[in-house]
């Protein structure tokens, strides 16, 4: 029974449709710095 429960949990967690969502959640857990800059293509080339 424990093995069946574990297999069900692993199958549910292995949903390829949610891969991007899981990656974003994992990234956001690390509290990344917020980008507050602007778009300035002329300032990038010197």
N, C-alpha and C. Protein backbone atom coordinates (compact mmCIF):
# COMPACT_ATOMS: atom_id res chain seq x y z
N UNK A 1 0.83 -1.20 0.00
CA UNK A 1 0.00 0.00 0.00
C UNK A 1 0.87 1.26 0.00
N UNK A 2 1.93 1.24 0.81
CA UNK A 2 2.83 2.40 0.85
C UNK A 2 3.50 2.61 -0.50
N UNK A 3 3.86 1.52 -1.14
CA UNK A 3 4.50 1.62 -2.45
C UNK A 3 3.54 2.19 -3.50
N UNK A 4 2.28 1.78 -3.42
CA UNK A 4 1.28 2.29 -4.35
C UNK A 4 1.05 3.78 -4.13
N UNK A 5 1.01 4.19 -2.88
CA UNK A 5 0.83 5.61 -2.56
C UNK A 5 2.00 6.43 -3.08
N UNK A 6 3.21 5.91 -2.88
CA UNK A 6 4.40 6.61 -3.35
C UNK A 6 4.41 6.70 -4.88
N UNK A 7 4.01 5.64 -5.55
CA UNK A 7 3.96 5.64 -7.01
C UNK A 7 2.95 6.67 -7.51
N UNK A 8 1.80 6.76 -6.85
CA UNK A 8 0.79 7.75 -7.24
C UNK A 8 1.31 9.17 -7.05
N UNK A 9 1.99 9.42 -5.95
CA UNK A 9 2.54 10.76 -5.70
C UNK A 9 3.59 11.11 -6.76
N UNK A 10 4.44 10.17 -7.08
CA UNK A 10 5.48 10.43 -8.08
C UNK A 10 4.86 10.66 -9.46
N UNK A 11 3.84 9.91 -9.79
CA UNK A 11 3.17 10.08 -11.09
C UNK A 11 2.48 11.43 -11.17
N UNK A 12 1.91 11.86 -10.08
CA UNK A 12 1.22 13.16 -10.06
C UNK A 12 2.24 14.29 -10.16
N UNK A 13 3.41 14.10 -9.52
CA UNK A 13 4.45 15.13 -9.52
C UNK A 13 5.19 15.17 -10.85
N UNK A 14 5.08 14.14 -11.67
CA UNK A 14 5.81 14.07 -12.92
C UNK A 14 4.95 14.53 -14.10
N UNK A 15 4.17 15.56 -13.90
CA UNK A 15 3.30 16.08 -14.95
C UNK A 15 4.10 17.04 -15.83
N UNK A 16 4.41 16.67 -17.07
CA UNK A 16 5.25 17.53 -17.91
C UNK A 16 4.61 18.88 -18.21
N UNK A 17 3.32 18.99 -18.09
CA UNK A 17 2.66 20.27 -18.34
C UNK A 17 2.94 21.29 -17.26
N UNK A 18 3.33 20.84 -16.09
CA UNK A 18 3.59 21.75 -14.98
C UNK A 18 5.07 22.03 -14.78
N UNK A 19 5.94 21.55 -15.66
CA UNK A 19 7.38 21.73 -15.48
C UNK A 19 7.76 23.20 -15.36
N UNK A 20 7.26 24.04 -16.27
CA UNK A 20 7.59 25.46 -16.23
C UNK A 20 7.09 26.10 -14.95
N UNK A 21 5.90 25.72 -14.55
CA UNK A 21 5.32 26.27 -13.34
C UNK A 21 6.16 25.90 -12.11
N UNK A 22 6.61 24.65 -12.05
CA UNK A 22 7.42 24.21 -10.92
C UNK A 22 8.76 24.94 -10.91
N UNK A 23 9.35 25.14 -12.10
CA UNK A 23 10.63 25.85 -12.16
C UNK A 23 10.48 27.28 -11.68
N UNK A 24 9.39 27.93 -12.07
CA UNK A 24 9.16 29.30 -11.63
C UNK A 24 8.96 29.35 -10.12
N UNK A 25 8.21 28.41 -9.57
CA UNK A 25 8.01 28.37 -8.12
C UNK A 25 9.34 28.19 -7.40
N UNK A 26 10.18 27.29 -7.91
CA UNK A 26 11.48 27.04 -7.30
C UNK A 26 12.35 28.29 -7.37
N UNK A 27 12.31 28.99 -8.50
CA UNK A 27 13.09 30.22 -8.68
C UNK A 27 12.62 31.31 -7.72
N UNK A 28 11.30 31.45 -7.59
CA UNK A 28 10.75 32.51 -6.74
C UNK A 28 10.98 32.22 -5.25
N UNK A 29 11.17 30.97 -4.88
CA UNK A 29 11.44 30.64 -3.47
C UNK A 29 12.75 31.25 -3.01
N UNK A 30 13.69 31.48 -3.93
CA UNK A 30 14.99 32.04 -3.57
C UNK A 30 14.97 33.56 -3.50
N UNK A 31 13.80 34.15 -3.63
CA UNK A 31 13.60 35.60 -3.55
C UNK A 31 14.61 36.36 -4.42
N UNK A 32 14.48 36.25 -5.75
CA UNK A 32 15.41 36.94 -6.64
C UNK A 32 15.22 38.46 -6.55
N UNK A 33 16.28 39.18 -6.87
CA UNK A 33 16.18 40.64 -6.84
C UNK A 33 15.24 41.09 -7.96
N UNK A 34 14.54 42.15 -7.71
CA UNK A 34 13.57 42.67 -8.68
C UNK A 34 14.30 43.62 -9.63
N UNK A 35 14.08 43.45 -10.91
CA UNK A 35 14.68 44.34 -11.90
C UNK A 35 13.91 45.65 -11.92
N UNK A 36 14.60 46.75 -11.60
CA UNK A 36 13.92 48.05 -11.57
C UNK A 36 14.48 48.99 -12.63
N UNK A 37 15.37 48.48 -13.48
CA UNK A 37 15.94 49.31 -14.53
C UNK A 37 14.95 49.55 -15.65
N UNK A 38 15.43 50.25 -16.64
CA UNK A 38 14.58 50.54 -17.79
C UNK A 38 15.22 50.04 -19.06
N UNK A 39 14.58 50.31 -20.16
CA UNK A 39 15.07 49.90 -21.47
C UNK A 39 15.78 51.08 -22.10
N UNK A 40 17.10 50.97 -22.28
CA UNK A 40 17.88 52.05 -22.86
C UNK A 40 18.91 51.46 -23.82
N UNK A 41 18.52 51.18 -25.06
CA UNK A 41 19.46 50.55 -25.99
C UNK A 41 20.62 51.47 -26.36
N UNK A 42 20.43 52.78 -26.34
CA UNK A 42 21.51 53.71 -26.68
C UNK A 42 22.57 53.73 -25.58
N UNK A 43 22.16 53.60 -24.34
CA UNK A 43 23.11 53.61 -23.22
C UNK A 43 23.91 52.33 -23.12
N UNK A 44 23.44 51.28 -23.75
CA UNK A 44 24.13 49.99 -23.67
C UNK A 44 25.34 49.96 -24.60
N UNK A 45 25.29 50.74 -25.66
CA UNK A 45 26.38 50.75 -26.64
C UNK A 45 27.20 52.01 -26.45
N UNK A 46 28.48 51.82 -26.14
CA UNK A 46 29.35 53.00 -25.93
C UNK A 46 30.54 52.93 -26.83
